[in-house]
Amino acid sequence: MIVVNEEPLDWHEGMTVRDVLRAKNYRFPMLIIHVDGVLIPKPDYDTAPVPDGAVVQVIHLISGG
């Protein structure tokens, strides 16, 4: 089990940041992702592992005037 934005999510072996985004249906193009407090760069979403018990924060960046 992991926690994504304070909500539980079932974990599976080999889970990546991209898997988390798909599971939570996050599609917004401008996201900031932290796994256990570590910033994950966008190019690493497909390979960055999410360990069992991780706390994941997904922040949607919104800009405007």
Protein backbone atom coordinates (compact mmCIF):
# COMPACT_ATOMS: atom_id res chain seq x y z
CA MET A 1 0.00 0.00 0.00
CA ILE A 2 1.19 3.52 -0.79
CA VAL A 3 -0.34 6.91 -0.05
CA VAL A 4 -0.96 9.37 -2.90
CA ASN A 5 -2.07 12.86 -1.89
CA GLU A 6 -3.26 11.45 1.45
CA GLU A 7 -5.31 8.64 -0.18
CA PRO A 8 -4.33 4.95 -0.07
CA LEU A 9 -3.47 3.15 -3.30
CA ASP A 10 -2.71 -0.53 -3.77
CA TRP A 11 0.95 -1.15 -4.51
CA HIS A 12 2.42 -3.75 -6.90
CA GLU A 13 5.93 -4.99 -7.53
CA GLY A 14 7.82 -2.79 -10.00
CA MET A 15 5.45 0.18 -9.60
CA THR A 16 6.73 3.41 -11.15
CA VAL A 17 5.63 7.02 -10.94
CA ARG A 18 3.91 6.60 -14.33
CA ASP A 19 1.90 3.67 -12.91
CA VAL A 20 0.73 5.88 -10.03
CA LEU A 21 -0.34 8.63 -12.42
CA ARG A 22 -2.31 6.13 -14.51
CA ALA A 23 -3.94 4.54 -11.46
CA LYS A 24 -5.07 7.94 -10.17
CA ASN A 25 -6.00 9.15 -13.69
CA TYR A 26 -3.76 12.22 -13.43
CA ARG A 27 -3.39 13.65 -16.95
CA PHE A 28 -2.53 17.29 -16.33
CA PRO A 29 0.70 18.08 -18.22
CA MET A 30 2.28 20.24 -15.51
CA LEU A 31 2.86 18.13 -12.42
CA ILE A 32 5.40 18.11 -9.62
CA ILE A 33 5.93 14.66 -8.11
CA HIS A 34 7.64 13.80 -4.84
CA VAL A 35 8.18 10.23 -3.65
CA ASP A 36 9.09 10.12 0.03
CA GLY A 37 10.12 13.77 -0.20
CA VAL A 38 12.37 13.32 -3.25
CA LEU A 39 11.55 15.32 -6.39
CA ILE A 40 11.13 13.09 -9.45
CA PRO A 41 11.97 14.81 -12.77
CA LYS A 42 9.42 14.33 -15.56
CA PRO A 43 11.83 12.37 -17.81
CA ASP A 44 12.11 9.78 -15.00
CA TYR A 45 8.38 9.08 -14.51
CA ASP A 46 8.56 5.83 -16.52
CA THR A 47 11.54 4.45 -14.59
CA ALA A 48 11.41 6.00 -11.10
CA PRO A 49 10.36 3.25 -8.68
CA VAL A 50 7.70 3.75 -6.04
CA PRO A 51 8.46 1.44 -3.11
CA ASP A 52 5.84 -0.23 -0.96
CA GLY A 53 4.82 2.12 1.85
CA ALA A 54 5.85 5.26 -0.07
CA VAL A 55 4.21 8.63 0.38
CA VAL A 56 3.64 10.27 -3.00
CA GLN A 57 2.71 13.91 -3.48
CA VAL A 58 1.34 15.04 -6.83
CA ILE A 59 1.04 18.80 -7.21
CA HIS A 60 -0.79 20.31 -10.17
CA LEU A 61 0.89 23.52 -11.32
CA ILE A 62 -1.61 26.15 -12.36
CA SER A 63 -0.63 29.52 -13.73
CA GLY A 64 -2.66 32.48 -14.74
CA GLY A 65 -2.96 36.15 -14.45
